[in-house]
């Protein structure tokens, strides 16, 4: 993680949340959010993998009928 992102996550976001009066969600809500983001990330990874595999695959040879 780069230094700027680390500062933003661990320093700025908690400061902004406390100024806004945010206390965080219940443990089950945090778990649901974490799981949905993990599943979505895995789905995006699979989609990109299939897309790259599809474009890198050599097209099948097309036979022409004899006249």
C-alpha atoms as a PDB file:
ATOM      1  CA  UNK A   1       0.000   0.000   0.000  1.00  0.00           C
ATOM      2  CA  UNK A   2       1.419   3.366  -0.939  1.00  0.00           C
ATOM      3  CA  UNK A   3       2.147   5.939   1.737  1.00  0.00           C
ATOM      4  CA  UNK A   4      -0.636   8.289   0.560  1.00  0.00           C
ATOM      5  CA  UNK A   5      -3.304   5.594   0.635  1.00  0.00           C
ATOM      6  CA  UNK A   6      -2.136   4.412   4.042  1.00  0.00           C
ATOM      7  CA  UNK A   7      -2.411   7.969   5.385  1.00  0.00           C
ATOM      8  CA  UNK A   8      -5.873   8.400   3.872  1.00  0.00           C
ATOM      9  CA  UNK A   9      -7.196   5.136   5.302  1.00  0.00           C
ATOM     10  CA  UNK A  10      -5.651   5.212   8.742  1.00  0.00           C
ATOM     11  CA  UNK A  11      -5.602   8.938   9.475  1.00  0.00           C
ATOM     12  CA  UNK A  12      -8.005  11.011   7.388  1.00  0.00           C
ATOM     13  CA  UNK A  13     -11.027   8.726   7.272  1.00  0.00           C
ATOM     14  CA  UNK A  14     -11.326   8.286  11.061  1.00  0.00           C
ATOM     15  CA  UNK A  15     -10.942  12.052  11.517  1.00  0.00           C
ATOM     16  CA  UNK A  16     -13.666  12.765   8.948  1.00  0.00           C
ATOM     17  CA  UNK A  17     -15.934  10.109  10.457  1.00  0.00           C
ATOM     18  CA  UNK A  18     -15.596  11.510  13.962  1.00  0.00           C
ATOM     19  CA  UNK A  19     -16.311  15.032  12.737  1.00  0.00           C
ATOM     20  CA  UNK A  20     -19.434  13.757  10.976  1.00  0.00           C
ATOM     21  CA  UNK A  21     -20.577  11.915  14.083  1.00  0.00           C
ATOM     22  CA  UNK A  22     -20.310   8.485  12.438  1.00  0.00           C
ATOM     23  CA  UNK A  23     -19.813   5.693  14.946  1.00  0.00           C
ATOM     24  CA  UNK A  24     -19.617   2.740  12.572  1.00  0.00           C
ATOM     25  CA  UNK A  25     -22.099   0.013  11.807  1.00  0.00           C
ATOM     26  CA  UNK A  26     -23.121  -2.990  13.838  1.00  0.00           C
ATOM     27  CA  UNK A  27     -20.808  -5.971  13.592  1.00  0.00           C
ATOM     28  CA  UNK A  28     -23.242  -7.898  11.386  1.00  0.00           C
ATOM     29  CA  UNK A  29     -23.595  -4.949   9.005  1.00  0.00           C
ATOM     30  CA  UNK A  30     -19.840  -4.644   8.717  1.00  0.00           C
ATOM     31  CA  UNK A  31     -19.610  -8.388   8.001  1.00  0.00           C
ATOM     32  CA  UNK A  32     -22.291  -8.178   5.306  1.00  0.00           C
ATOM     33  CA  UNK A  33     -20.508  -5.263   3.644  1.00  0.00           C
ATOM     34  CA  UNK A  34     -17.159  -7.050   3.792  1.00  0.00           C
ATOM     35  CA  UNK A  35     -18.605 -10.248   2.297  1.00  0.00           C
ATOM     36  CA  UNK A  36     -20.397  -8.427  -0.512  1.00  0.00           C
ATOM     37  CA  UNK A  37     -17.205  -6.609  -1.459  1.00  0.00           C
ATOM     38  CA  UNK A  38     -15.193  -9.838  -1.394  1.00  0.00           C
ATOM     39  CA  UNK A  39     -17.744 -11.643  -3.594  1.00  0.00           C
ATOM     40  CA  UNK A  40     -17.915  -8.713  -6.013  1.00  0.00           C
ATOM     41  CA  UNK A  41     -14.113  -8.578  -6.220  1.00  0.00           C
ATOM     42  CA  UNK A  42     -13.893 -12.291  -6.956  1.00  0.00           C
ATOM     43  CA  UNK A  43     -16.600 -11.941  -9.612  1.00  0.00           C
ATOM     44  CA  UNK A  44     -14.747  -9.077 -11.272  1.00  0.00           C
ATOM     45  CA  UNK A  45     -11.527 -11.087 -11.214  1.00  0.00           C
ATOM     46  CA  UNK A  46     -13.266 -14.035 -12.859  1.00  0.00           C
ATOM     47  CA  UNK A  47     -14.891 -11.773 -15.460  1.00  0.00           C
ATOM     48  CA  UNK A  48     -11.572 -10.174 -16.406  1.00  0.00           C
ATOM     49  CA  UNK A  49      -9.938 -13.591 -16.577  1.00  0.00           C
ATOM     50  CA  UNK A  50     -12.618 -14.885 -18.939  1.00  0.00           C
ATOM     51  CA  UNK A  51     -12.411 -11.733 -21.043  1.00  0.00           C
ATOM     52  CA  UNK A  52      -8.646 -12.008 -21.424  1.00  0.00           C
ATOM     53  CA  UNK A  53      -8.875 -15.755 -22.114  1.00  0.00           C
ATOM     54  CA  UNK A  54     -11.518 -15.128 -24.787  1.00  0.00           C
ATOM     55  CA  UNK A  55      -9.473 -12.485 -26.568  1.00  0.00           C
ATOM     56  CA  UNK A  56      -6.229 -14.447 -26.395  1.00  0.00           C
ATOM     57  CA  UNK A  57      -7.800 -17.617 -27.812  1.00  0.00           C
ATOM     58  CA  UNK A  58      -7.003 -18.327 -31.461  1.00  0.00           C
ATOM     59  CA  UNK A  59     -10.149 -18.311 -33.627  1.00  0.00           C
ATOM     60  CA  UNK A  60     -11.283 -21.642 -35.041  1.00  0.00           C
ATOM     61  CA  UNK A  61     -10.527 -22.316 -38.695  1.00  0.00           C
ATOM     62  CA  UNK A  62     -13.519 -21.910 -40.985  1.00  0.00           C
ATOM     63  CA  UNK A  63     -13.914 -24.486 -43.718  1.00  0.00           C
ATOM     64  CA  UNK A  64     -15.148 -23.317 -47.095  1.00  0.00           C
ATOM     65  CA  UNK A  65     -17.417 -25.618 -49.103  1.00  0.00           C
ATOM     66  CA  UNK A  66     -16.000 -27.017 -52.363  1.00  0.00           C
ATOM     67  CA  UNK A  67     -17.708 -25.746 -55.456  1.00  0.00           C
END
